[in-house]
Amino acid sequence: MRSQLGQKWLLLIGVLCLLAVPPADAAKDFSKPVEYAPLQVQNIEPEIVSLELLAKGLSVVYYLEFFERNLDSIPGNGGSSFRKKTGKPIFELNHQFGKEEVFDSGTNRGVAMRMLGYLVIKEEGLYQFQALSNDGVNVLFSGETVISDPEQHSDRLSNIGHATFDKAGHYPLQVEYFQRKGTAALKLFWKTPGSENFVPIPPNAYVHLP
């Protein structure tokens, strides 16, 4: 009798352990606030560009059928297993898409994008940056990461990135973003020197070389 009871208890414990382990492909809960440490970017230089050649907004390349859970999977400059599409310039990053099309990607799901251009800095000093996204986003100045929130998640604010611009000018900017499924959002904010509040970066601060 005791042996049978012992076997039943062992069986019950085994079932409970199996229930406690999520499936290997289960999504994590990324709805909680980010606890990343602030990032610091310093000693970056503006790029000398011909103003006559610059156009408004950021250039963009879309990667379609992107159902990964992290921006680590976004292709580099080489080949890609994802279908690639060049889009119209992105003039502003202040969008709450919901379930509508992500920019002019042609879809509202399974899309990653890489935006390139320059951030126009008119006043030197310390700037702070933060993004609201759904899903992941990375922001880099001159190749240095200032915002890193690359994993799948619902709407949330990223880490606060600090960038010191010692000169006015045009600083190389790269923004990576992806939307997997469900709703989507992408907003990029800054707090300029002497300001107390984060505000959306205005469209006239984004330019690119066509």
N, C-alpha and C. Protein backbone atom coordinates (compact mmCIF):
# COMPACT_ATOMS: atom_id res chain seq x y z
N MET A 1 0.84 -1.21 0.00
CA MET A 1 0.00 0.00 0.00
C MET A 1 0.87 1.25 0.00
N ARG A 2 1.90 1.27 0.89
CA ARG A 2 2.78 2.43 0.95
C ARG A 2 3.52 2.61 -0.36
N SER A 3 3.89 1.48 -0.98
CA SER A 3 4.61 1.56 -2.25
C SER A 3 3.74 2.20 -3.32
N GLN A 4 2.45 1.84 -3.33
CA GLN A 4 1.53 2.41 -4.32
C GLN A 4 1.34 3.91 -4.09
N LEU A 5 1.22 4.31 -2.81
CA LEU A 5 1.07 5.73 -2.50
C LEU A 5 2.31 6.51 -2.92
N GLY A 6 3.49 5.92 -2.66
CA GLY A 6 4.73 6.57 -3.04
C GLY A 6 4.83 6.78 -4.54
N GLN A 7 4.40 5.77 -5.28
CA GLN A 7 4.42 5.88 -6.74
C GLN A 7 3.47 6.97 -7.22
N LYS A 8 2.31 7.08 -6.58
CA LYS A 8 1.34 8.10 -6.96
C LYS A 8 1.89 9.50 -6.70
N TRP A 9 2.55 9.66 -5.54
CA TRP A 9 3.14 10.96 -5.21
C TRP A 9 4.23 11.34 -6.21
N LEU A 10 5.06 10.36 -6.54
CA LEU A 10 6.11 10.62 -7.53
C LEU A 10 5.52 11.00 -8.88
N LEU A 11 4.45 10.32 -9.28
CA LEU A 11 3.79 10.63 -10.54
C LEU A 11 3.21 12.03 -10.52
N LEU A 12 2.57 12.39 -9.38
CA LEU A 12 1.97 13.72 -9.25
C LEU A 12 3.04 14.81 -9.31
N ILE A 13 4.17 14.61 -8.62
CA ILE A 13 5.27 15.58 -8.62
C ILE A 13 5.82 15.74 -10.04
N GLY A 14 5.93 14.62 -10.76
CA GLY A 14 6.44 14.70 -12.14
C GLY A 14 5.54 15.50 -13.04
N VAL A 15 4.21 15.30 -12.90
CA VAL A 15 3.24 16.06 -13.71
C VAL A 15 3.33 17.54 -13.40
N LEU A 16 3.42 17.89 -12.10
CA LEU A 16 3.51 19.30 -11.72
C LEU A 16 4.78 19.93 -12.26
N CYS A 17 5.88 19.22 -12.28
CA CYS A 17 7.13 19.75 -12.82
C CYS A 17 7.02 20.02 -14.30
N LEU A 18 6.34 19.11 -15.01
CA LEU A 18 6.15 19.31 -16.46
C LEU A 18 5.29 20.53 -16.73
N LEU A 19 4.26 20.72 -15.91
CA LEU A 19 3.38 21.88 -16.09
C LEU A 19 4.11 23.18 -15.80
N ALA A 20 5.10 23.14 -14.92
CA ALA A 20 5.80 24.36 -14.53
C ALA A 20 6.80 24.80 -15.58
N VAL A 21 7.20 23.89 -16.49
CA VAL A 21 8.19 24.24 -17.52
C VAL A 21 7.47 24.68 -18.77
N PRO A 22 7.66 25.94 -19.25
CA PRO A 22 6.98 26.40 -20.44
C PRO A 22 7.54 25.74 -21.67
N PRO A 23 6.77 25.67 -22.76
CA PRO A 23 7.29 25.11 -24.01
C PRO A 23 8.51 25.88 -24.46
N ALA A 24 9.37 25.22 -25.22
CA ALA A 24 10.63 25.83 -25.63
C ALA A 24 10.42 27.08 -26.45
N ASP A 25 9.33 27.13 -27.24
CA ASP A 25 9.09 28.27 -28.12
C ASP A 25 8.15 29.30 -27.51
N ALA A 26 7.85 29.16 -26.21
CA ALA A 26 6.93 30.11 -25.58
C ALA A 26 7.57 31.49 -25.47
N ALA A 27 6.77 32.53 -25.74
CA ALA A 27 7.28 33.91 -25.65
C ALA A 27 7.42 34.32 -24.19
N LYS A 28 8.46 35.08 -23.91
CA LYS A 28 8.63 35.62 -22.56
C LYS A 28 7.63 36.75 -22.34
N ASP A 29 7.46 37.11 -21.08
CA ASP A 29 6.60 38.25 -20.74
C ASP A 29 7.47 39.50 -20.73
N PHE A 30 7.38 40.30 -21.82
CA PHE A 30 8.18 41.50 -21.93
C PHE A 30 7.35 42.76 -21.67
N SER A 31 6.20 42.60 -21.01
CA SER A 31 5.33 43.75 -20.78
C SER A 31 5.80 44.61 -19.60
N LYS A 32 6.71 44.08 -18.78
CA LYS A 32 7.15 44.82 -17.61
C LYS A 32 8.15 45.91 -18.00
N PRO A 33 8.28 46.96 -17.20
CA PRO A 33 9.22 48.04 -17.52
C PRO A 33 10.65 47.53 -17.67
N VAL A 34 11.38 48.18 -18.55
CA VAL A 34 12.77 47.81 -18.77
C VAL A 34 13.61 48.23 -17.57
N GLU A 35 14.58 47.42 -17.21
CA GLU A 35 15.46 47.73 -16.09
C GLU A 35 16.91 47.82 -16.55
N TYR A 36 17.09 48.09 -17.85
CA TYR A 36 18.45 48.24 -18.36
C TYR A 36 19.10 49.48 -17.77
N ALA A 37 20.42 49.41 -17.60
CA ALA A 37 21.16 50.58 -17.13
C ALA A 37 21.22 51.63 -18.24
N PRO A 38 21.24 52.91 -17.87
CA PRO A 38 21.37 53.95 -18.90
C PRO A 38 22.65 53.77 -19.70
N LEU A 39 22.59 54.11 -20.98
CA LEU A 39 23.77 54.02 -21.84
C LEU A 39 24.36 55.41 -22.05
N GLN A 40 25.67 55.46 -22.14
CA GLN A 40 26.39 56.72 -22.31
C GLN A 40 27.16 56.68 -23.64
N VAL A 41 26.98 57.71 -24.45
CA VAL A 41 27.71 57.83 -25.71
C VAL A 41 28.45 59.15 -25.70
N GLN A 42 29.77 59.08 -25.90
CA GLN A 42 30.60 60.28 -25.89
C GLN A 42 31.65 60.18 -27.00
N ASN A 43 32.34 61.29 -27.21
CA ASN A 43 33.46 61.33 -28.16
C ASN A 43 33.05 60.91 -29.57
N ILE A 44 31.88 61.34 -29.99
CA ILE A 44 31.46 61.10 -31.36
C ILE A 44 31.55 62.42 -32.12
N GLU A 45 31.81 62.30 -33.41
CA GLU A 45 32.02 63.47 -34.24
C GLU A 45 30.93 63.57 -35.31
N PRO A 46 30.53 64.80 -35.66
CA PRO A 46 29.60 64.95 -36.78
C PRO A 46 30.30 64.59 -38.08
N GLU A 47 29.52 64.23 -39.06
CA GLU A 47 30.06 63.89 -40.38
C GLU A 47 29.95 65.09 -41.30
N ILE A 48 30.96 65.32 -42.08
CA ILE A 48 30.93 66.43 -43.04
C ILE A 48 30.15 65.97 -44.26
N VAL A 49 29.02 66.61 -44.52
CA VAL A 49 28.17 66.25 -45.65
C VAL A 49 27.82 67.51 -46.43
N SER A 50 27.51 67.31 -47.69
CA SER A 50 27.08 68.43 -48.54
C SER A 50 25.59 68.67 -48.32
N LEU A 51 25.26 69.84 -47.81
CA LEU A 51 23.86 70.13 -47.49
C LEU A 51 22.98 70.05 -48.72
N GLU A 52 23.54 70.36 -49.90
CA GLU A 52 22.75 70.33 -51.12
C GLU A 52 22.31 68.92 -51.50
N LEU A 53 23.04 67.92 -51.00
CA LEU A 53 22.72 66.53 -51.34
C LEU A 53 21.74 65.89 -50.37
N LEU A 54 21.52 66.51 -49.23
CA LEU A 54 20.67 65.91 -48.20
C LEU A 54 19.19 66.03 -48.54
N ALA A 55 18.44 65.01 -48.13
CA ALA A 55 16.98 65.01 -48.28
C ALA A 55 16.35 64.79 -46.91
N LYS A 56 15.09 65.15 -46.79
CA LYS A 56 14.40 65.01 -45.52
C LYS A 56 14.15 63.54 -45.18
N GLY A 57 14.11 63.26 -43.87
CA GLY A 57 13.76 61.93 -43.41
C GLY A 57 14.93 60.97 -43.38
N LEU A 58 14.61 59.70 -43.08
CA LEU A 58 15.59 58.62 -43.01
C LEU A 58 15.30 57.61 -44.11
N SER A 59 16.36 57.08 -44.72
CA SER A 59 16.16 56.00 -45.69
C SER A 59 15.78 54.73 -44.93
N VAL A 60 15.11 53.80 -45.61
CA VAL A 60 14.65 52.60 -44.92
C VAL A 60 14.70 51.38 -45.83
N VAL A 61 15.10 50.26 -45.23
CA VAL A 61 15.03 48.95 -45.87
C VAL A 61 14.19 48.04 -44.97
N TYR A 62 13.20 47.38 -45.57
CA TYR A 62 12.34 46.46 -44.83
C TYR A 62 12.80 45.02 -45.06
N TYR A 63 12.65 44.19 -44.03
CA TYR A 63 12.88 42.76 -44.12
C TYR A 63 11.57 42.07 -43.78
N LEU A 64 10.96 41.45 -44.77
CA LEU A 64 9.61 40.91 -44.62
C LEU A 64 9.64 39.44 -44.20
N GLU A 65 8.51 38.99 -43.65
CA GLU A 65 8.38 37.64 -43.09
C GLU A 65 9.40 37.43 -41.96
N PHE A 66 9.57 38.48 -41.19
CA PHE A 66 10.50 38.47 -40.05
C PHE A 66 9.69 38.15 -38.79
N PHE A 67 9.66 36.88 -38.40
CA PHE A 67 8.89 36.47 -37.23
C PHE A 67 9.82 36.03 -36.10
N GLU A 68 11.00 36.64 -36.05
CA GLU A 68 11.92 36.38 -34.96
C GLU A 68 11.44 37.11 -33.70
N ARG A 69 12.12 36.85 -32.59
CA ARG A 69 11.73 37.48 -31.32
C ARG A 69 12.78 38.47 -30.81
N ASN A 70 13.78 38.77 -31.65
CA ASN A 70 14.86 39.65 -31.22
C ASN A 70 15.51 40.29 -32.44
N LEU A 71 15.91 41.54 -32.31
CA LEU A 71 16.57 42.23 -33.41
C LEU A 71 17.95 41.67 -33.71
N ASP A 72 18.46 40.79 -32.87
CA ASP A 72 19.74 40.15 -33.17
C ASP A 72 19.68 39.42 -34.51
N SER A 73 18.49 39.07 -34.95
CA SER A 73 18.34 38.31 -36.19
C SER A 73 18.21 39.20 -37.42
N ILE A 74 18.21 40.53 -37.24
CA ILE A 74 18.11 41.40 -38.41
C ILE A 74 19.39 41.27 -39.23
N PRO A 75 19.27 41.16 -40.56
CA PRO A 75 20.47 40.94 -41.39
C PRO A 75 21.44 42.10 -41.32
N GLY A 76 22.72 41.80 -41.56
CA GLY A 76 23.73 42.83 -41.67
C GLY A 76 23.75 43.39 -43.08
N ASN A 77 24.90 43.77 -43.55
CA ASN A 77 25.00 44.34 -44.88
C ASN A 77 25.10 43.28 -45.97
N GLY A 78 25.26 42.02 -45.59
CA GLY A 78 25.40 40.96 -46.58
C GLY A 78 24.06 40.40 -47.03
N GLY A 79 24.07 39.11 -47.37
CA GLY A 79 22.85 38.47 -47.85
C GLY A 79 21.83 38.28 -46.74
N SER A 80 20.61 37.95 -47.12
CA SER A 80 19.52 37.80 -46.15
C SER A 80 18.57 36.72 -46.60
N SER A 81 18.09 35.94 -45.62
CA SER A 81 17.07 34.94 -45.92
C SER A 81 15.68 35.55 -45.93
N PHE A 82 15.57 36.81 -45.50
CA PHE A 82 14.29 37.50 -45.50
C PHE A 82 14.12 38.26 -46.81
N ARG A 83 12.89 38.43 -47.21
CA ARG A 83 12.60 39.21 -48.42
C ARG A 83 12.87 40.67 -48.13
N LYS A 84 13.64 41.31 -48.98
CA LYS A 84 14.12 42.67 -48.74
C LYS A 84 13.37 43.66 -49.63
N LYS A 85 13.05 44.82 -49.05
CA LYS A 85 12.30 45.83 -49.80
C LYS A 85 12.75 47.22 -49.36
N THR A 86 13.06 48.08 -50.33
CA THR A 86 13.40 49.47 -50.04
C THR A 86 12.13 50.30 -50.02
N GLY A 87 11.97 51.15 -48.99
CA GLY A 87 10.75 51.94 -48.85
C GLY A 87 10.98 53.42 -49.05
N LYS A 88 9.89 54.15 -48.94
CA LYS A 88 9.97 55.61 -49.02
C LYS A 88 10.64 56.14 -47.74
N PRO A 89 11.23 57.33 -47.80
CA PRO A 89 11.85 57.89 -46.60
C PRO A 89 10.87 58.00 -45.43
N ILE A 90 11.38 57.78 -44.23
CA ILE A 90 10.60 57.92 -42.99
C ILE A 90 10.86 59.32 -42.45
N PHE A 91 9.82 60.14 -42.38
CA PHE A 91 10.00 61.54 -42.01
C PHE A 91 9.89 61.80 -40.51
N GLU A 92 9.27 60.87 -39.79
CA GLU A 92 9.03 61.08 -38.36
C GLU A 92 8.91 59.74 -37.66
N LEU A 93 9.41 59.65 -36.43
CA LEU A 93 9.26 58.44 -35.62
C LEU A 93 8.39 58.78 -34.42
N ASN A 94 7.11 58.82 -34.68
CA ASN A 94 6.13 59.17 -33.64
C ASN A 94 4.81 58.51 -34.00
N HIS A 95 4.83 57.15 -34.04
CA HIS A 95 3.71 56.41 -34.61
C HIS A 95 3.17 55.35 -33.64
N GLN A 96 1.86 55.33 -33.52
CA GLN A 96 1.13 54.30 -32.80
C GLN A 96 0.31 53.58 -33.88
N PHE A 97 0.85 52.50 -34.45
CA PHE A 97 0.23 51.86 -35.59
C PHE A 97 -1.02 51.07 -35.23
N GLY A 98 -1.07 50.54 -34.00
CA GLY A 98 -2.13 49.59 -33.69
C GLY A 98 -1.93 48.35 -34.54
N LYS A 99 -2.95 47.99 -35.30
CA LYS A 99 -2.85 46.85 -36.20
C LYS A 99 -2.83 47.29 -37.66
N GLU A 100 -2.50 48.56 -37.89
CA GLU A 100 -2.42 49.05 -39.25
C GLU A 100 -1.05 48.78 -39.84
N GLU A 101 -0.89 49.05 -41.12
CA GLU A 101 0.37 48.84 -41.83
C GLU A 101 1.51 49.61 -41.17
N VAL A 102 2.67 48.98 -41.07
CA VAL A 102 3.86 49.62 -40.50
C VAL A 102 4.54 50.44 -41.60
N PHE A 103 4.43 51.76 -41.50
CA PHE A 103 4.93 52.68 -42.51
C PHE A 103 4.43 52.21 -43.88
N ASP A 104 5.32 52.11 -44.89
CA ASP A 104 4.85 51.65 -46.20
C ASP A 104 5.41 50.26 -46.50
N SER A 105 5.50 49.44 -45.45
CA SER A 105 6.06 48.09 -45.60
C SER A 105 5.14 47.17 -46.37
N GLY A 106 3.83 47.50 -46.42
CA GLY A 106 2.86 46.64 -47.08
C GLY A 106 2.28 45.59 -46.16
N THR A 107 2.66 45.62 -44.87
CA THR A 107 2.16 44.62 -43.93
C THR A 107 2.10 45.21 -42.53
N ASN A 108 1.38 44.51 -41.64
CA ASN A 108 1.30 44.94 -40.24
C ASN A 108 1.89 43.88 -39.30
N ARG A 109 2.62 42.92 -39.86
CA ARG A 109 3.18 41.86 -39.03
C ARG A 109 4.38 41.25 -39.75
N GLY A 110 5.30 40.71 -38.96
CA GLY A 110 6.44 40.03 -39.54
C GLY A 110 7.32 40.93 -40.37
N VAL A 111 7.66 42.11 -39.82
CA VAL A 111 8.49 43.04 -40.58
C VAL A 111 9.56 43.66 -39.67
N ALA A 112 10.79 43.67 -40.16
CA ALA A 112 11.89 44.39 -39.50
C ALA A 112 12.33 45.50 -40.45
N MET A 113 12.96 46.52 -39.89
CA MET A 113 13.39 47.63 -40.73
C MET A 113 14.66 48.25 -40.17
N ARG A 114 15.48 48.74 -41.10
CA ARG A 114 16.68 49.47 -40.72
C ARG A 114 16.62 50.84 -41.38
N MET A 115 16.64 51.89 -40.56
CA MET A 115 16.59 53.26 -41.04
C MET A 115 17.96 53.91 -40.86
N LEU A 116 18.39 54.64 -41.87
CA LEU A 116 19.70 55.27 -41.86
C LEU A 116 19.59 56.73 -42.25
N GLY A 117 20.47 57.53 -41.70
CA GLY A 117 20.50 58.95 -42.05
C GLY A 117 21.34 59.70 -41.04
N TYR A 118 20.91 60.92 -40.75
CA TYR A 118 21.64 61.79 -39.82
C TYR A 118 20.65 62.45 -38.87
N LEU A 119 21.10 62.65 -37.63
CA LEU A 119 20.36 63.48 -36.69
C LEU A 119 21.01 64.85 -36.69
N VAL A 120 20.21 65.87 -36.94
CA VAL A 120 20.72 67.24 -37.01
C VAL A 120 20.76 67.82 -35.61
N ILE A 121 21.97 68.12 -35.13
CA ILE A 121 22.17 68.72 -33.81
C ILE A 121 22.53 70.18 -34.01
N LYS A 122 21.70 71.07 -33.47
CA LYS A 122 21.94 72.51 -33.64
C LYS A 122 22.59 73.13 -32.41
N GLU A 123 22.51 72.45 -31.28
CA GLU A 123 23.05 72.98 -30.03
C GLU A 123 23.89 71.91 -29.35
N GLU A 124 25.12 72.23 -29.04
CA GLU A 124 25.99 71.26 -28.38
C GLU A 124 25.54 71.03 -26.95
N GLY A 125 25.94 69.89 -26.39
CA GLY A 125 25.60 69.61 -25.00
C GLY A 125 25.16 68.17 -24.81
N LEU A 126 24.62 67.90 -23.63
CA LEU A 126 24.16 66.56 -23.27
C LEU A 126 22.69 66.39 -23.64
N TYR A 127 22.41 65.36 -24.43
CA TYR A 127 21.04 65.01 -24.82
C TYR A 127 20.67 63.67 -24.19
N GLN A 128 19.38 63.50 -23.92
CA GLN A 128 18.88 62.21 -23.46
C GLN A 128 17.87 61.69 -24.48
N PHE A 129 17.86 60.35 -24.67
CA PHE A 129 16.99 59.74 -25.66
C PHE A 129 16.24 58.56 -25.04
N GLN A 130 15.02 58.37 -25.52
CA GLN A 130 14.22 57.24 -25.07
C GLN A 130 13.24 56.88 -26.17
N ALA A 131 12.94 55.59 -26.28
CA ALA A 131 11.99 55.12 -27.30
C ALA A 131 10.81 54.42 -26.65
N LEU A 132 9.66 54.55 -27.28
CA LEU A 132 8.51 53.71 -26.97
C LEU A 132 8.33 52.81 -28.18
N SER A 133 8.30 51.51 -27.93
CA SER A 133 8.21 50.60 -29.07
C SER A 133 7.39 49.37 -28.74
N ASN A 134 6.99 48.71 -29.81
CA ASN A 134 6.28 47.43 -29.78
C ASN A 134 6.40 46.87 -31.21
N ASP A 135 7.41 46.05 -31.53
CA ASP A 135 8.23 45.28 -30.60
C ASP A 135 9.59 45.98 -30.37
N GLY A 136 10.68 45.32 -30.73
CA GLY A 136 12.00 45.77 -30.34
C GLY A 136 12.56 46.93 -31.13
N VAL A 137 13.53 47.65 -30.50
CA VAL A 137 14.15 48.80 -31.15
C VAL A 137 15.59 48.94 -30.66
N ASN A 138 16.48 49.33 -31.58
CA ASN A 138 17.85 49.73 -31.26
C ASN A 138 18.12 51.07 -31.94
N VAL A 139 18.85 51.95 -31.27
CA VAL A 139 19.23 53.25 -31.84
C VAL A 139 20.72 53.45 -31.63
N LEU A 140 21.42 53.83 -32.72
CA LEU A 140 22.86 54.01 -32.66
C LEU A 140 23.25 55.35 -33.28
N PHE A 141 24.23 56.01 -32.66
CA PHE A 141 24.87 57.20 -33.23
C PHE A 141 26.31 56.85 -33.56
N SER A 142 26.69 57.08 -34.81
CA SER A 142 28.06 56.80 -35.24
C SER A 142 28.49 55.39 -34.83
N GLY A 143 27.55 54.44 -34.89
CA GLY A 143 27.85 53.05 -34.54
C GLY A 143 27.82 52.74 -33.07
N GLU A 144 27.57 53.74 -32.21
CA GLU A 144 27.52 53.54 -30.76
C GLU A 144 26.06 53.43 -30.30
N THR A 145 25.74 52.38 -29.56
CA THR A 145 24.37 52.14 -29.13
C THR A 145 23.96 53.10 -28.03
N VAL A 146 22.84 53.79 -28.23
CA VAL A 146 22.31 54.70 -27.21
C VAL A 146 20.99 54.19 -26.65
N ILE A 147 20.23 53.41 -27.45
CA ILE A 147 18.99 52.77 -26.99
C ILE A 147 19.06 51.31 -27.39
N SER A 148 18.79 50.42 -26.43
CA SER A 148 18.82 48.99 -26.69
C SER A 148 17.64 48.32 -25.99
N ASP A 149 16.61 47.99 -26.77
CA ASP A 149 15.45 47.27 -26.26
C ASP A 149 15.00 46.30 -27.36
N PRO A 150 15.85 45.31 -27.69
CA PRO A 150 15.70 44.57 -28.94
C PRO A 150 14.73 43.41 -28.94
N GLU A 151 14.19 43.03 -27.78
CA GLU A 151 13.39 41.82 -27.72
C GLU A 151 11.90 42.11 -27.98
N GLN A 152 11.18 41.06 -28.27
CA GLN A 152 9.74 41.15 -28.46
C GLN A 152 9.07 41.63 -27.17
N HIS A 153 8.15 42.58 -27.27
CA HIS A 153 7.43 43.05 -26.09
C HIS A 153 6.24 43.90 -26.53
N SER A 154 5.32 44.13 -25.61
CA SER A 154 4.21 45.04 -25.84
C SER A 154 4.70 46.47 -25.65
N ASP A 155 3.80 47.46 -25.80
CA ASP A 155 4.20 48.87 -25.69
C ASP A 155 4.93 49.12 -24.38
N ARG A 156 6.14 49.69 -24.47
CA ARG A 156 6.86 50.07 -23.27
C ARG A 156 7.97 51.03 -23.65
N LEU A 157 8.46 51.76 -22.64
CA LEU A 157 9.58 52.68 -22.82
C LEU A 157 10.90 51.94 -22.66
N SER A 158 11.88 52.35 -23.42
CA SER A 158 13.20 51.75 -23.39
C SER A 158 14.05 52.33 -22.26
N ASN A 159 15.31 51.92 -22.23
CA ASN A 159 16.29 52.58 -21.38
C ASN A 159 16.43 54.04 -21.80
N ILE A 160 16.98 54.87 -20.94
CA ILE A 160 17.31 56.25 -21.30
C ILE A 160 18.78 56.29 -21.70
N GLY A 161 19.03 56.75 -22.91
CA GLY A 161 20.39 56.87 -23.41
C GLY A 161 20.87 58.30 -23.33
N HIS A 162 22.14 58.49 -22.97
CA HIS A 162 22.73 59.82 -22.85
C HIS A 162 23.79 59.97 -23.93
N ALA A 163 23.71 61.03 -24.70
CA ALA A 163 24.71 61.28 -25.75
C ALA A 163 25.20 62.72 -25.63
N THR A 164 26.51 62.86 -25.61
CA THR A 164 27.11 64.18 -25.54
C THR A 164 27.60 64.59 -26.93
N PHE A 165 27.05 65.69 -27.43
CA PHE A 165 27.45 66.23 -28.73
C PHE A 165 28.26 67.50 -28.47
N ASP A 166 29.54 67.43 -28.77
CA ASP A 166 30.43 68.57 -28.49
C ASP A 166 30.36 69.64 -29.57
N LYS A 167 29.77 69.30 -30.69
CA LYS A 167 29.66 70.25 -31.80
C LYS A 167 28.29 70.13 -32.43
N ALA A 168 27.81 71.24 -33.00
CA ALA A 168 26.63 71.17 -33.84
C ALA A 168 27.01 70.47 -35.14
N GLY A 169 26.05 69.82 -35.77
CA GLY A 169 26.34 69.15 -37.03
C GLY A 169 25.43 67.97 -37.29
N HIS A 170 25.83 67.13 -38.23
CA HIS A 170 25.04 65.98 -38.67
C HIS A 170 25.70 64.70 -38.17
N TYR A 171 25.00 63.99 -37.30
CA TYR A 171 25.55 62.79 -36.68
C TYR A 171 24.90 61.54 -37.28
N PRO A 172 25.72 60.59 -37.78
CA PRO A 172 25.16 59.37 -38.36
C PRO A 172 24.22 58.65 -37.40
N LEU A 173 23.03 58.33 -37.90
CA LEU A 173 21.98 57.73 -37.09
C LEU A 173 21.52 56.43 -37.73
N GLN A 174 21.36 55.40 -36.91
CA GLN A 174 20.79 54.12 -37.36
C GLN A 174 19.71 53.70 -36.38
N VAL A 175 18.53 53.41 -36.89
CA VAL A 175 17.41 52.93 -36.08
C VAL A 175 16.96 51.58 -36.63
N GLU A 176 16.96 50.56 -35.78
CA GLU A 176 16.46 49.24 -36.16
C GLU A 176 15.19 48.96 -35.35
N TYR A 177 14.22 48.33 -36.01
CA TYR A 177 12.92 48.11 -35.36
C TYR A 177 12.29 46.87 -35.97
N PHE A 178 11.50 46.15 -35.17
CA PHE A 178 10.70 45.08 -35.77
C PHE A 178 9.34 44.97 -35.11
N GLN A 179 8.39 44.51 -35.90
CA GLN A 179 7.03 44.22 -35.45
C GLN A 179 6.74 42.78 -35.81
N ARG A 180 6.44 41.96 -34.80
CA ARG A 180 6.21 40.53 -35.04
C ARG A 180 4.75 40.26 -35.33
N LYS A 181 3.91 40.36 -34.30
CA LYS A 181 2.47 40.13 -34.45
C LYS A 181 1.73 41.08 -33.53
N GLY A 182 0.41 41.19 -33.73
CA GLY A 182 -0.41 42.02 -32.85
C GLY A 182 -0.27 43.49 -33.17
N THR A 183 -0.25 44.32 -32.12
CA THR A 183 -0.19 45.76 -32.33
C THR A 183 1.27 46.22 -32.45
N ALA A 184 1.46 47.46 -32.97
CA ALA A 184 2.80 47.98 -33.22
C ALA A 184 2.87 49.45 -32.85
N ALA A 185 4.07 49.88 -32.44
CA ALA A 185 4.30 51.29 -32.11
C ALA A 185 5.79 51.58 -32.21
N LEU A 186 6.10 52.81 -32.61
CA LEU A 186 7.49 53.26 -32.62
C LEU A 186 7.53 54.77 -32.46
N LYS A 187 8.08 55.23 -31.33
CA LYS A 187 8.22 56.65 -31.06
C LYS A 187 9.62 56.88 -30.49
N LEU A 188 10.27 57.95 -30.97
CA LEU A 188 11.61 58.28 -30.50
C LEU A 188 11.59 59.69 -29.92
N PHE A 189 12.02 59.79 -28.65
CA PHE A 189 11.98 61.06 -27.91
C PHE A 189 13.40 61.53 -27.59
N TRP A 190 13.52 62.84 -27.39
CA TRP A 190 14.77 63.39 -26.85
C TRP A 190 14.48 64.45 -25.81
N LYS A 191 15.45 64.65 -24.95
CA LYS A 191 15.44 65.76 -24.00
C LYS A 191 16.67 66.59 -24.31
N THR A 192 16.46 67.78 -24.83
CA THR A 192 17.56 68.63 -25.29
C THR A 192 18.19 69.37 -24.12
N PRO A 193 19.41 69.92 -24.29
CA PRO A 193 20.07 70.63 -23.19
C PRO A 193 19.21 71.76 -22.63
N GLY A 194 19.06 71.78 -21.31
CA GLY A 194 18.26 72.79 -20.65
C GLY A 194 16.79 72.49 -20.57
N SER A 195 16.33 71.43 -21.24
CA SER A 195 14.92 71.06 -21.21
C SER A 195 14.64 70.12 -20.05
N GLU A 196 13.39 70.11 -19.57
CA GLU A 196 13.01 69.25 -18.45
C GLU A 196 12.19 68.05 -18.90
N ASN A 197 11.74 68.05 -20.15
CA ASN A 197 10.81 67.01 -20.60
C ASN A 197 11.28 66.33 -21.87
N PHE A 198 10.93 65.05 -21.99
CA PHE A 198 11.12 64.34 -23.25
C PHE A 198 10.01 64.74 -24.22
N VAL A 199 10.37 64.98 -25.46
CA VAL A 199 9.40 65.30 -26.52
C VAL A 199 9.78 64.50 -27.76
N PRO A 200 8.81 64.23 -28.65
CA PRO A 200 9.17 63.54 -29.90
C PRO A 200 10.20 64.34 -30.69
N ILE A 201 11.18 63.66 -31.24
CA ILE A 201 12.17 64.33 -32.08
C ILE A 201 11.46 64.89 -33.31
N PRO A 202 11.61 66.18 -33.61
CA PRO A 202 10.86 66.78 -34.72
C PRO A 202 11.35 66.28 -36.07
N PRO A 203 10.48 66.27 -37.08
CA PRO A 203 10.86 65.78 -38.40
C PRO A 203 12.06 66.50 -39.01
N ASN A 204 12.24 67.80 -38.71
CA ASN A 204 13.35 68.53 -39.33
C ASN A 204 14.72 68.13 -38.78
N ALA A 205 14.73 67.22 -37.78
CA ALA A 205 16.01 66.73 -37.25
C ALA A 205 16.50 65.49 -37.97
N TYR A 206 15.69 64.94 -38.91
CA TYR A 206 16.08 63.74 -39.65
C TYR A 206 16.39 64.08 -41.10
N VAL A 207 17.57 63.72 -41.56
CA VAL A 207 17.94 63.89 -42.97
C VAL A 207 18.73 62.67 -43.41
N HIS A 208 18.85 62.50 -44.73
CA HIS A 208 19.61 61.36 -45.26
C HIS A 208 20.16 61.70 -46.64
N LEU A 209 21.08 60.91 -47.09
CA LEU A 209 21.61 61.01 -48.44
C LEU A 209 20.85 60.04 -49.32
N PRO A 210 20.07 60.53 -50.28
CA PRO A 210 19.27 59.63 -51.16
C PRO A 210 20.16 58.69 -51.95
